[in-house]
Amino acid sequence: MVDFAVICENVAALFAMTDADLRTRIKEMMVKNLMLQITADQIADDAPLFGPNGIGLDSIDALELAVGLEKNFGVSVPNSEIATKVLRSVNTIHDYILEKRGESAQSQTTT
């Protein structure tokens, strides 16, 4: 069950965050939610998340990552096509969150 109060609180904090803070929070969420054996500091912003040249995430990790993005940042990854584009690196996740944050802010000002 989704706790909307927690999501709203996280989204409010997200609007006040700098780019570096957002990247750090993404990495910390990944380490915690995916139980990675590395620290957030060891994840490069542009490192591939999947495959042998990256940090070695798999399809189960992708699902956990999508859930974590929704819980922590209020951003959903609606299908595998978008997931393939978004879940490439910390930078692509960061950009997606900012894109969705911009859409959210824009829809709130037009209502």
C-alpha atoms as a PDB file:
ATOM      1  CA  MET A   1       0.000   0.000   0.000  1.00  0.00           C
ATOM      2  CA  VAL A   2       1.313   3.422  -0.958  1.00  0.00           C
ATOM      3  CA  ASP A   3       1.641   5.945   1.868  1.00  0.00           C
ATOM      4  CA  PHE A   4       0.683   9.194   0.145  1.00  0.00           C
ATOM      5  CA  ALA A   5       1.701  11.332   3.127  1.00  0.00           C
ATOM      6  CA  VAL A   6       5.261   9.996   2.881  1.00  0.00           C
ATOM      7  CA  ILE A   7       5.310  10.514  -0.884  1.00  0.00           C
ATOM      8  CA  CYS A   8       4.088  14.122  -0.511  1.00  0.00           C
ATOM      9  CA  GLU A   9       6.733  14.787   2.130  1.00  0.00           C
ATOM     10  CA  ASN A  10       9.457  13.335  -0.095  1.00  0.00           C
ATOM     11  CA  VAL A  11       8.268  15.307  -3.117  1.00  0.00           C
ATOM     12  CA  ALA A  12       8.274  18.552  -1.101  1.00  0.00           C
ATOM     13  CA  ALA A  13      11.867  17.867  -0.020  1.00  0.00           C
ATOM     14  CA  LEU A  14      12.752  17.070  -3.630  1.00  0.00           C
ATOM     15  CA  PHE A  15      11.740  20.552  -4.800  1.00  0.00           C
ATOM     16  CA  ALA A  16      14.195  22.133  -2.352  1.00  0.00           C
ATOM     17  CA  MET A  17      17.120  19.920  -3.385  1.00  0.00           C
ATOM     18  CA  THR A  18      20.174  20.868  -5.434  1.00  0.00           C
ATOM     19  CA  ASP A  19      21.354  18.694  -8.328  1.00  0.00           C
ATOM     20  CA  ALA A  20      24.228  17.249  -6.265  1.00  0.00           C
ATOM     21  CA  ASP A  21      21.887  16.532  -3.347  1.00  0.00           C
ATOM     22  CA  LEU A  22      19.458  14.763  -5.669  1.00  0.00           C
ATOM     23  CA  ARG A  23      22.206  12.566  -7.150  1.00  0.00           C
ATOM     24  CA  THR A  24      23.382  11.712  -3.625  1.00  0.00           C
ATOM     25  CA  ARG A  25      19.851  10.791  -2.548  1.00  0.00           C
ATOM     26  CA  ILE A  26      19.415   8.588  -5.629  1.00  0.00           C
ATOM     27  CA  LYS A  27      22.655   6.753  -4.828  1.00  0.00           C
ATOM     28  CA  GLU A  28      21.774   6.371  -1.144  1.00  0.00           C
ATOM     29  CA  MET A  29      18.339   5.011  -2.069  1.00  0.00           C
ATOM     30  CA  MET A  30      19.965   2.519  -4.451  1.00  0.00           C
ATOM     31  CA  VAL A  31      22.466   1.295  -1.846  1.00  0.00           C
ATOM     32  CA  LYS A  32      19.760   0.898   0.786  1.00  0.00           C
ATOM     33  CA  ASN A  33      16.897  -0.509  -1.310  1.00  0.00           C
ATOM     34  CA  LEU A  34      19.046  -2.804  -3.445  1.00  0.00           C
ATOM     35  CA  MET A  35      21.283  -3.834  -0.541  1.00  0.00           C
ATOM     36  CA  LEU A  36      24.360  -3.066  -2.616  1.00  0.00           C
ATOM     37  CA  GLN A  37      27.750  -4.091  -1.273  1.00  0.00           C
ATOM     38  CA  ILE A  38      29.208  -0.707  -2.210  1.00  0.00           C
ATOM     39  CA  THR A  39      28.740   2.786  -0.808  1.00  0.00           C
ATOM     40  CA  ALA A  40      26.941   5.657  -2.481  1.00  0.00           C
ATOM     41  CA  ASP A  41      30.312   7.386  -2.947  1.00  0.00           C
ATOM     42  CA  GLN A  42      31.515   4.462  -5.075  1.00  0.00           C
ATOM     43  CA  ILE A  43      28.746   4.919  -7.649  1.00  0.00           C
ATOM     44  CA  ALA A  44      29.791   7.298 -10.429  1.00  0.00           C
ATOM     45  CA  ASP A  45      27.055   9.557 -11.766  1.00  0.00           C
ATOM     46  CA  ASP A  46      27.542   8.260 -15.310  1.00  0.00           C
ATOM     47  CA  ALA A  47      28.361   4.612 -14.510  1.00  0.00           C
ATOM     48  CA  PRO A  48      26.099   2.077 -16.235  1.00  0.00           C
ATOM     49  CA  LEU A  49      23.791   0.451 -13.704  1.00  0.00           C
ATOM     50  CA  PHE A  50      23.348  -2.798 -15.633  1.00  0.00           C
ATOM     51  CA  GLY A  51      25.734  -5.110 -17.423  1.00  0.00           C
ATOM     52  CA  PRO A  52      29.338  -6.167 -16.911  1.00  0.00           C
ATOM     53  CA  ASN A  53      30.742  -2.638 -17.311  1.00  0.00           C
ATOM     54  CA  GLY A  54      28.438  -1.193 -14.671  1.00  0.00           C
ATOM     55  CA  ILE A  55      27.573  -1.878 -11.063  1.00  0.00           C
ATOM     56  CA  GLY A  56      25.931  -5.165 -12.057  1.00  0.00           C
ATOM     57  CA  LEU A  57      22.230  -4.648 -11.394  1.00  0.00           C
ATOM     58  CA  ASP A  58      19.758  -7.211 -12.736  1.00  0.00           C
ATOM     59  CA  SER A  59      16.054  -7.261 -13.648  1.00  0.00           C
ATOM     60  CA  ILE A  60      14.933  -7.755 -10.033  1.00  0.00           C
ATOM     61  CA  ASP A  61      17.013  -4.718  -9.083  1.00  0.00           C
ATOM     62  CA  ALA A  62      15.279  -2.761 -11.865  1.00  0.00           C
ATOM     63  CA  LEU A  63      11.900  -3.502 -10.303  1.00  0.00           C
ATOM     64  CA  GLU A  64      13.147  -2.519  -6.850  1.00  0.00           C
ATOM     65  CA  LEU A  65      14.659   0.635  -8.290  1.00  0.00           C
ATOM     66  CA  ALA A  66      11.357   1.597  -9.948  1.00  0.00           C
ATOM     67  CA  VAL A  67       9.508   1.063  -6.647  1.00  0.00           C
ATOM     68  CA  GLY A  68      12.150   3.102  -4.819  1.00  0.00           C
ATOM     69  CA  LEU A  69      11.790   5.983  -7.267  1.00  0.00           C
ATOM     70  CA  GLU A  70       8.066   6.102  -6.657  1.00  0.00           C
ATOM     71  CA  LYS A  71       8.356   5.827  -2.869  1.00  0.00           C
ATOM     72  CA  ASN A  72      11.246   8.239  -2.435  1.00  0.00           C
ATOM     73  CA  PHE A  73      10.735  10.722  -5.245  1.00  0.00           C
ATOM     74  CA  GLY A  74       7.071  10.382  -6.255  1.00  0.00           C
ATOM     75  CA  VAL A  75       8.091   9.432  -9.795  1.00  0.00           C
ATOM     76  CA  SER A  76       6.706   6.357 -11.523  1.00  0.00           C
ATOM     77  CA  VAL A  77       8.337   4.345 -14.275  1.00  0.00           C
ATOM     78  CA  PRO A  78       5.232   3.192 -16.138  1.00  0.00           C
ATOM     79  CA  ASN A  79       6.667   0.592 -18.518  1.00  0.00           C
ATOM     80  CA  SER A  80       9.763  -1.297 -19.604  1.00  0.00           C
ATOM     81  CA  GLU A  81      10.433   1.019 -22.557  1.00  0.00           C
ATOM     82  CA  ILE A  82      10.747   4.026 -20.257  1.00  0.00           C
ATOM     83  CA  ALA A  83      12.647   1.953 -17.683  1.00  0.00           C
ATOM     84  CA  THR A  84      15.229   1.058 -20.338  1.00  0.00           C
ATOM     85  CA  LYS A  85      15.860   4.747 -21.020  1.00  0.00           C
ATOM     86  CA  VAL A  86      15.637   6.019 -17.434  1.00  0.00           C
ATOM     87  CA  LEU A  87      17.459   3.335 -15.454  1.00  0.00           C
ATOM     88  CA  ARG A  88      20.783   3.561 -17.301  1.00  0.00           C
ATOM     89  CA  SER A  89      22.755   5.643 -14.796  1.00  0.00           C
ATOM     90  CA  VAL A  90      22.346   7.972 -11.846  1.00  0.00           C
ATOM     91  CA  ASN A  91      22.431  10.854 -14.336  1.00  0.00           C
ATOM     92  CA  THR A  92      19.546   9.471 -16.410  1.00  0.00           C
ATOM     93  CA  ILE A  93      17.494   8.844 -13.259  1.00  0.00           C
ATOM     94  CA  HIS A  94      18.321  12.369 -12.049  1.00  0.00           C
ATOM     95  CA  ASP A  95      17.226  13.889 -15.372  1.00  0.00           C
ATOM     96  CA  TYR A  96      13.977  11.885 -15.368  1.00  0.00           C
ATOM     97  CA  ILE A  97      13.114  13.025 -11.840  1.00  0.00           C
ATOM     98  CA  LEU A  98      13.754  16.668 -12.821  1.00  0.00           C
ATOM     99  CA  GLU A  99      11.671  16.236 -15.971  1.00  0.00           C
ATOM    100  CA  LYS A 100       8.772  14.789 -13.981  1.00  0.00           C
ATOM    101  CA  ARG A 101       9.188  17.443 -11.289  1.00  0.00           C
ATOM    102  CA  GLY A 102       8.922  20.118 -13.982  1.00  0.00           C
ATOM    103  CA  GLU A 103       5.796  18.502 -15.413  1.00  0.00           C
ATOM    104  CA  SER A 104       4.278  18.311 -11.928  1.00  0.00           C
ATOM    105  CA  ALA A 105       5.043  21.960 -11.172  1.00  0.00           C
ATOM    106  CA  GLN A 106       3.680  23.027 -14.555  1.00  0.00           C
ATOM    107  CA  SER A 107       0.423  21.100 -14.098  1.00  0.00           C
ATOM    108  CA  GLN A 108      -0.039  22.632 -10.641  1.00  0.00           C
ATOM    109  CA  THR A 109       0.310  26.171 -11.993  1.00  0.00           C
ATOM    110  CA  THR A 110      -2.190  25.550 -14.804  1.00  0.00           C
ATOM    111  CA  THR A 111      -4.925  24.174 -12.550  1.00  0.00           C
END
